[in-house]
Amino acid sequence: MVKQESIRIVNSYFTPFATVLILVAIFIAHPGTALTFIFLGVMLFSFLFNEITNQILKKHANLAIIISNIRLFVNFLLNICIVYFLGGFWGPLWLLFVLTPIATAIYSDAKKTMIMALISSGTLLIIYLVRGLTGIISWGQAFSHVWFIIIISLFINKLVSACYKK
């Protein structure tokens, strides 16, 4: 069961992490003026969206499952855009694809966690393919990213389940 506290904790840690990753990509890698403004706007939208859903959750705790699913979906779509367009400028942005499966691991069971980890990993591989990733070393690194996403998600799900008896 999704609890308001779980959503607050996920938001407290993942929002700053994602924000720093994106700001570093924008201001250190210099993707250009247009992309900088577009993704500053994406970040502002993401921040406002997550804050608004937090406020709704405070008033309507019974909507926790619906709100968590909407947040996961919207944030995942934003992460796809960010990694696709900025990932070529700043490689560590692939870590954004770890966030949705970890959030799922906290909110859901192992089966849903595995499904989200596979969706997230598959999406990352598709982005790498479309962006023209080549060579055995590059693909080896890509599959290391996939393996990390799956293992860390399942680990966190098991840890949360064991500690909080979901």
Protein backbone atom coordinates (compact mmCIF):
# COMPACT_ATOMS: atom_id res chain seq x y z
CA MET A 1 0.00 0.00 0.00
CA VAL A 2 1.28 3.44 -0.90
CA LYS A 3 1.57 5.72 2.07
CA GLN A 4 1.81 9.48 2.02
CA GLU A 5 5.09 9.24 3.95
CA SER A 6 6.61 7.00 1.24
CA ILE A 7 5.79 9.55 -1.44
CA ARG A 8 7.24 12.36 0.68
CA ILE A 9 10.47 10.43 1.25
CA VAL A 10 10.85 9.57 -2.44
CA ASN A 11 10.24 13.21 -3.35
CA SER A 12 12.69 14.47 -0.70
CA TYR A 13 15.59 12.44 -2.08
CA PHE A 14 14.87 11.91 -5.77
CA THR A 15 13.86 15.45 -6.69
CA PRO A 16 17.16 16.98 -5.51
CA PHE A 17 19.12 14.13 -7.13
CA ALA A 18 17.39 14.58 -10.49
CA THR A 19 17.68 18.36 -10.23
CA VAL A 20 21.43 18.26 -9.67
CA LEU A 21 21.94 15.78 -12.53
CA ILE A 22 20.01 17.98 -14.93
CA LEU A 23 21.58 21.26 -13.77
CA VAL A 24 25.06 19.80 -14.19
CA ALA A 25 24.11 18.62 -17.68
CA ILE A 26 22.80 22.07 -18.58
CA PHE A 27 25.46 24.29 -17.06
CA ILE A 28 28.61 22.20 -17.39
CA ALA A 29 27.95 20.41 -20.68
CA HIS A 30 26.42 23.51 -22.38
CA PRO A 31 23.84 21.90 -24.69
CA GLY A 32 22.97 25.26 -26.24
CA THR A 33 20.65 28.11 -25.39
CA ALA A 34 17.45 26.53 -26.72
CA LEU A 35 17.93 23.22 -24.89
CA THR A 36 18.98 25.05 -21.74
CA PHE A 37 15.75 27.07 -21.63
CA ILE A 38 13.59 24.11 -22.64
CA PHE A 39 14.97 21.89 -19.91
CA LEU A 40 14.93 24.60 -17.27
CA GLY A 41 11.23 24.82 -18.16
CA VAL A 42 10.90 21.03 -17.90
CA MET A 43 12.53 21.17 -14.47
CA LEU A 44 10.19 23.94 -13.34
CA PHE A 45 7.17 21.97 -14.59
CA SER A 46 8.42 18.84 -12.82
CA PHE A 47 8.98 20.69 -9.56
CA LEU A 48 5.55 22.34 -9.67
CA PHE A 49 3.82 19.10 -10.69
CA ASN A 50 5.41 17.17 -7.82
CA GLU A 51 4.62 19.93 -5.32
CA ILE A 52 1.01 20.17 -6.45
CA THR A 53 0.57 16.40 -6.16
CA ASN A 54 2.13 16.57 -2.68
CA GLN A 55 -0.39 19.24 -1.65
CA ILE A 56 -3.28 17.18 -3.05
CA LEU A 57 -1.99 14.17 -1.15
CA LYS A 58 -1.91 16.11 2.12
CA LYS A 59 -5.59 16.91 1.74
CA HIS A 60 -6.65 13.58 0.22
CA ALA A 61 -4.48 10.77 1.60
CA ASN A 62 -6.95 8.24 0.19
CA LEU A 63 -5.69 9.15 -3.30
CA ALA A 64 -2.13 7.94 -2.58
CA ILE A 65 -2.21 5.05 -5.07
CA ILE A 66 -3.63 7.17 -7.88
CA ILE A 67 -1.25 10.05 -7.18
CA SER A 68 1.80 7.78 -6.98
CA ASN A 69 0.90 6.16 -10.33
CA ILE A 70 0.36 9.52 -12.02
CA ARG A 71 3.64 10.84 -10.60
CA LEU A 72 5.55 7.76 -11.74
CA PHE A 73 4.12 8.04 -15.26
CA VAL A 74 4.67 11.78 -15.70
CA ASN A 75 8.16 11.74 -14.20
CA PHE A 76 9.11 8.75 -16.35
CA LEU A 77 7.98 10.57 -19.51
CA LEU A 78 9.98 13.64 -18.48
CA ASN A 79 13.03 11.45 -17.83
CA ILE A 80 12.73 9.95 -21.32
CA CYS A 81 12.81 13.45 -22.86
CA ILE A 82 15.69 14.56 -20.67
CA VAL A 83 17.86 11.52 -21.32
CA TYR A 84 17.10 11.50 -25.04
CA PHE A 85 17.87 15.15 -25.63
CA LEU A 86 20.55 15.83 -23.01
CA GLY A 87 22.11 12.40 -22.56
CA GLY A 88 24.54 13.01 -25.41
CA PHE A 89 25.86 16.06 -23.56
CA TRP A 90 26.06 14.48 -20.12
CA GLY A 91 26.33 10.68 -19.87
CA PRO A 92 25.34 10.28 -16.19
CA LEU A 93 21.77 11.34 -17.02
CA TRP A 94 21.03 7.63 -17.60
CA LEU A 95 20.73 7.50 -13.79
CA LEU A 96 17.32 9.18 -14.14
CA PHE A 97 16.10 5.79 -15.39
CA VAL A 98 16.90 4.32 -11.98
CA LEU A 99 14.45 6.62 -10.18
CA THR A 100 11.11 5.27 -11.46
CA PRO A 101 11.90 1.60 -10.73
CA ILE A 102 13.19 2.52 -7.27
CA ALA A 103 10.04 4.50 -6.54
CA THR A 104 8.03 1.51 -7.75
CA ALA A 105 10.12 -0.70 -5.47
CA ILE A 106 9.10 1.45 -2.51
CA TYR A 107 5.40 1.64 -3.43
CA SER A 108 4.74 -1.80 -4.92
CA ASP A 109 5.54 -5.50 -4.92
CA ALA A 110 8.47 -7.33 -6.54
CA LYS A 111 6.53 -8.19 -9.71
CA LYS A 112 5.59 -4.55 -10.43
CA THR A 113 9.13 -3.49 -9.53
CA MET A 114 10.60 -5.97 -12.02
CA ILE A 115 8.19 -4.87 -14.74
CA MET A 116 9.06 -1.19 -14.19
CA ALA A 117 12.79 -1.99 -14.09
CA LEU A 118 12.48 -3.83 -17.42
CA ILE A 119 10.44 -1.01 -18.97
CA SER A 120 12.94 1.57 -17.75
CA SER A 121 15.92 -0.49 -18.90
CA GLY A 122 14.35 -1.24 -22.27
CA THR A 123 13.59 2.43 -22.81
CA LEU A 124 17.19 3.32 -22.00
CA LEU A 125 18.47 0.71 -24.48
CA ILE A 126 16.12 2.05 -27.17
CA ILE A 127 17.42 5.58 -26.58
CA TYR A 128 21.00 4.30 -26.88
CA LEU A 129 20.10 2.47 -30.11
CA VAL A 130 18.31 5.46 -31.65
CA ARG A 131 21.15 7.79 -30.70
CA GLY A 132 23.58 5.49 -32.52
CA LEU A 133 25.47 3.69 -29.76
CA THR A 134 28.08 1.41 -31.33
CA GLY A 135 30.90 -0.86 -30.27
CA ILE A 136 31.18 -3.71 -27.82
CA ILE A 137 32.52 -1.53 -25.00
CA SER A 138 29.68 1.00 -25.31
CA TRP A 139 27.03 -1.73 -25.41
CA GLY A 140 28.74 -3.49 -22.51
CA GLN A 141 28.40 -0.28 -20.50
CA ALA A 142 24.77 0.05 -21.59
CA PHE A 143 23.99 -3.46 -20.35
CA SER A 144 25.79 -2.65 -17.09
CA HIS A 145 23.33 0.23 -16.69
CA VAL A 146 20.44 -2.17 -17.33
CA TRP A 147 21.75 -4.69 -14.81
CA PHE A 148 22.20 -1.95 -12.20
CA ILE A 149 18.64 -0.67 -12.71
CA ILE A 150 17.19 -4.15 -12.24
CA ILE A 151 19.34 -5.20 -9.28
CA ILE A 152 19.08 -1.97 -7.27
CA SER A 153 15.30 -1.87 -7.78
CA LEU A 154 14.78 -5.44 -6.63
CA PHE A 155 17.19 -4.94 -3.73
CA ILE A 156 15.31 -1.87 -2.49
CA ASN A 157 11.96 -3.62 -2.91
CA LYS A 158 13.19 -6.57 -0.84
CA LEU A 159 14.67 -4.26 1.78
CA VAL A 160 11.47 -2.21 2.10
CA SER A 161 9.39 -5.39 2.20
CA ALA A 162 11.58 -6.97 4.87
CA CYS A 163 11.78 -3.85 7.03
CA TYR A 164 8.20 -2.68 6.72
CA LYS A 165 6.38 -5.95 6.02
CA LYS A 166 4.55 -4.69 2.91
